[in-house]
């Protein structure tokens, strides 16, 4: 058994105890952190390669499922945010168009009118960009949802995703008509 001091001689805050245990089929290493009173003690065991590979695979499978549900929530929120942003730009275009028409009726200064038309043009340019981002986000959301449905997952996140997909598709149908 070997003891490795991780602090200076005067500061014996923490020491590591390492034991190598050799067996016929497996080799195990046990590591313990020994700290001051009240500190946690960490024990790490290194088991055989086959068992370790199985444990890592199981943890990865759980992590993938969690990440997928988490990704679904993120992609659902992204679609909702971009949809809200699109509505905001559409309202802005309406406001700016009304303001431009009002300025034309009142015979505003040509320079001011030109500036207002530039503002309106910039607002109009944002709508196609926002629609493209929404289409992309919708495709990613559908892919993630399909992946979860193949695993027979159910839950509130999946219901929210389906609802969001329906809302976005309805939005695209109304703007195409």
Protein backbone atom coordinates (compact mmCIF):
# COMPACT_ATOMS: atom_id res chain seq x y z
CA UNK A 1 0.00 0.00 0.00
CA UNK A 2 1.33 3.42 -0.95
CA UNK A 3 0.38 6.74 0.63
CA UNK A 4 0.79 9.90 -1.41
CA UNK A 5 0.67 13.25 0.42
CA UNK A 6 -1.08 15.90 -1.66
CA UNK A 7 -0.26 18.83 0.67
CA UNK A 8 2.90 20.20 2.21
CA UNK A 9 4.37 18.56 5.32
CA UNK A 10 2.92 21.22 7.62
CA UNK A 11 -0.47 21.20 5.90
CA UNK A 12 -1.74 17.65 6.08
CA UNK A 13 -5.17 18.51 4.74
CA UNK A 14 -5.64 15.58 2.43
CA UNK A 15 -3.87 12.34 1.57
CA UNK A 16 -4.59 9.68 -1.03
CA UNK A 17 -4.49 5.98 -0.29
CA UNK A 18 -3.96 3.78 -3.32
CA UNK A 19 -4.21 0.01 -3.21
CA UNK A 20 -3.55 -2.31 -6.12
CA UNK A 21 -5.38 -5.59 -5.81
CA UNK A 22 -4.44 -8.22 -8.38
CA UNK A 23 -6.82 -11.09 -9.09
CA UNK A 24 -6.71 -13.83 -11.69
CA UNK A 25 -9.37 -12.43 -14.03
CA UNK A 26 -9.64 -8.78 -13.04
CA UNK A 27 -7.36 -6.13 -11.71
CA UNK A 28 -8.88 -3.51 -9.45
CA UNK A 29 -7.56 -0.22 -8.19
CA UNK A 30 -9.16 1.40 -5.16
CA UNK A 31 -8.56 5.09 -4.56
CA UNK A 32 -9.72 6.86 -1.41
CA UNK A 33 -9.45 10.55 -0.57
CA UNK A 34 -8.89 11.02 3.14
CA UNK A 35 -9.70 14.54 4.21
CA UNK A 36 -10.26 16.48 7.40
CA UNK A 37 -13.26 15.88 9.60
CA UNK A 38 -16.54 16.54 7.85
CA UNK A 39 -15.10 16.21 4.32
CA UNK A 40 -16.46 13.71 1.88
CA UNK A 41 -14.52 10.55 1.14
CA UNK A 42 -14.42 9.54 -2.52
CA UNK A 43 -13.95 5.91 -3.46
CA UNK A 44 -13.20 5.01 -7.07
CA UNK A 45 -13.03 1.40 -8.16
CA UNK A 46 -11.54 0.32 -11.45
CA UNK A 47 -13.12 -2.95 -12.45
CA UNK A 48 -12.37 -5.18 -15.44
CA UNK A 49 -12.41 -3.68 -18.92
CA UNK A 50 -15.52 -5.58 -20.02
CA UNK A 51 -17.60 -4.49 -17.03
CA UNK A 52 -16.28 -0.96 -17.37
CA UNK A 53 -17.27 -0.84 -21.05
CA UNK A 54 -20.77 -2.06 -20.18
CA UNK A 55 -21.12 0.55 -17.43
CA UNK A 56 -19.95 3.34 -19.75
CA UNK A 57 -22.36 2.21 -22.47
CA UNK A 58 -25.27 2.18 -20.02
CA UNK A 59 -24.40 5.65 -18.74
CA UNK A 60 -24.08 6.92 -22.31
CA UNK A 61 -27.50 5.53 -23.23
CA UNK A 62 -29.07 7.29 -20.26
CA UNK A 63 -27.20 10.50 -21.13
CA UNK A 64 -28.37 10.33 -24.75
CA UNK A 65 -32.00 9.95 -23.70
CA UNK A 66 -31.70 12.83 -21.26
CA UNK A 67 -29.91 14.97 -23.81
CA UNK A 68 -32.55 14.18 -26.40
CA UNK A 69 -35.41 15.27 -24.14
CA UNK A 70 -33.35 18.30 -23.16
CA UNK A 71 -32.64 19.02 -26.84
CA UNK A 72 -36.34 18.69 -27.58
CA UNK A 73 -37.13 21.30 -24.93
CA UNK A 74 -34.44 23.61 -26.33
CA UNK A 75 -35.62 23.21 -29.92
CA UNK A 76 -39.24 23.73 -28.90
CA UNK A 77 -38.28 26.95 -27.12
CA UNK A 78 -36.24 28.04 -30.12
CA UNK A 79 -39.22 27.62 -32.44
CA UNK A 80 -41.46 29.53 -30.05
CA UNK A 81 -38.92 32.35 -29.75
CA UNK A 82 -38.40 32.67 -33.50
CA UNK A 83 -42.15 32.59 -34.09
CA UNK A 84 -42.58 35.39 -31.56
CA UNK A 85 -39.75 37.29 -33.26
CA UNK A 86 -41.45 36.86 -36.66
CA UNK A 87 -44.72 38.27 -35.30
CA UNK A 88 -42.80 41.19 -33.85
CA UNK A 89 -41.17 41.98 -37.20
CA UNK A 90 -44.52 41.73 -38.98
CA UNK A 91 -46.07 44.21 -36.53
CA UNK A 92 -43.06 46.48 -36.94
CA UNK A 93 -43.49 46.47 -40.73
CA UNK A 94 -47.16 47.38 -40.31
CA UNK A 95 -46.29 50.25 -37.95
CA UNK A 96 -43.50 51.56 -40.16
CA UNK A 97 -45.65 51.28 -43.31
CA UNK A 98 -48.43 53.26 -41.62
CA UNK A 99 -45.91 55.86 -40.47
CA UNK A 100 -44.44 56.12 -43.99
CA UNK A 101 -47.91 56.52 -45.54
CA UNK A 102 -48.77 59.17 -42.94
CA UNK A 103 -45.57 61.07 -43.71
CA UNK A 104 -46.37 60.98 -47.46
CA UNK A 105 -49.91 62.32 -46.84
CA UNK A 106 -48.61 65.17 -44.72
CA UNK A 107 -45.95 66.07 -47.27
CA UNK A 108 -42.98 65.47 -44.98
CA UNK A 109 -39.47 66.56 -45.83
CA UNK A 110 -38.05 64.34 -48.64
CA UNK A 111 -34.98 63.51 -46.54
CA UNK A 112 -37.10 62.38 -43.57
CA UNK A 113 -39.36 60.40 -45.89
CA UNK A 114 -36.33 58.67 -47.44
CA UNK A 115 -35.03 57.77 -43.97
CA UNK A 116 -38.40 56.34 -43.00
CA UNK A 117 -38.53 54.29 -46.21
CA UNK A 118 -35.07 52.89 -45.34
CA UNK A 119 -36.33 51.89 -41.88
CA UNK A 120 -39.32 50.18 -43.51
CA UNK A 121 -37.07 48.36 -46.00
CA UNK A 122 -34.82 47.08 -43.19
CA UNK A 123 -37.83 45.80 -41.27
CA UNK A 124 -39.12 44.03 -44.39
CA UNK A 125 -35.72 42.38 -44.93
CA UNK A 126 -35.86 40.77 -41.50
CA UNK A 127 -39.04 38.78 -42.23
CA UNK A 128 -37.58 36.39 -44.87
CA UNK A 129 -34.49 35.84 -42.70
CA UNK A 130 -36.66 35.06 -39.70
CA UNK A 131 -38.82 32.68 -41.78
CA UNK A 132 -35.72 30.77 -42.94
CA UNK A 133 -34.49 30.42 -39.36
CA UNK A 134 -37.95 29.24 -38.29
CA UNK A 135 -38.07 26.66 -41.10
CA UNK A 136 -34.64 25.37 -40.06
CA UNK A 137 -35.59 25.24 -36.37
CA UNK A 138 -38.85 23.46 -37.27
CA UNK A 139 -36.96 20.79 -39.25
CA UNK A 140 -34.60 20.20 -36.30
CA UNK A 141 -37.53 20.00 -33.88
CA UNK A 142 -39.33 17.48 -36.09
CA UNK A 143 -36.19 15.33 -36.35
CA UNK A 144 -35.67 15.32 -32.59
CA UNK A 145 -39.35 14.56 -31.96
CA UNK A 146 -39.26 11.68 -34.45
CA UNK A 147 -36.20 10.27 -32.69
CA UNK A 148 -37.97 10.35 -29.34
CA UNK A 149 -41.17 8.87 -30.75
CA UNK A 150 -39.16 5.95 -32.14
CA UNK A 151 -38.03 5.26 -28.57
CA UNK A 152 -41.71 5.35 -27.49
CA UNK A 153 -41.06 8.29 -25.21
CA UNK A 154 -44.02 10.25 -23.87
CA UNK A 155 -44.32 13.29 -21.66
CA UNK A 156 -45.18 16.94 -21.44
CA UNK A 157 -42.14 17.95 -23.53
CA UNK A 158 -43.37 15.83 -26.44
CA UNK A 159 -46.87 17.30 -26.20
CA UNK A 160 -45.39 20.82 -26.18
CA UNK A 161 -43.26 19.98 -29.21
CA UNK A 162 -46.24 18.64 -31.15
CA UNK A 163 -48.26 21.73 -30.28
CA UNK A 164 -45.43 24.03 -31.37
CA UNK A 165 -45.02 22.15 -34.65
CA UNK A 166 -48.74 22.52 -35.32
CA UNK A 167 -48.58 26.25 -34.54
CA UNK A 168 -45.60 26.84 -36.84
CA UNK A 169 -47.12 24.82 -39.69
CA UNK A 170 -50.39 26.74 -39.28
CA UNK A 171 -48.42 29.99 -39.46
CA UNK A 172 -46.72 28.89 -42.68
CA UNK A 173 -50.05 27.85 -44.21
CA UNK A 174 -51.74 31.17 -43.42
CA UNK A 175 -48.87 33.23 -44.84
CA UNK A 176 -48.70 31.14 -48.03
CA UNK A 177 -52.43 31.60 -48.74
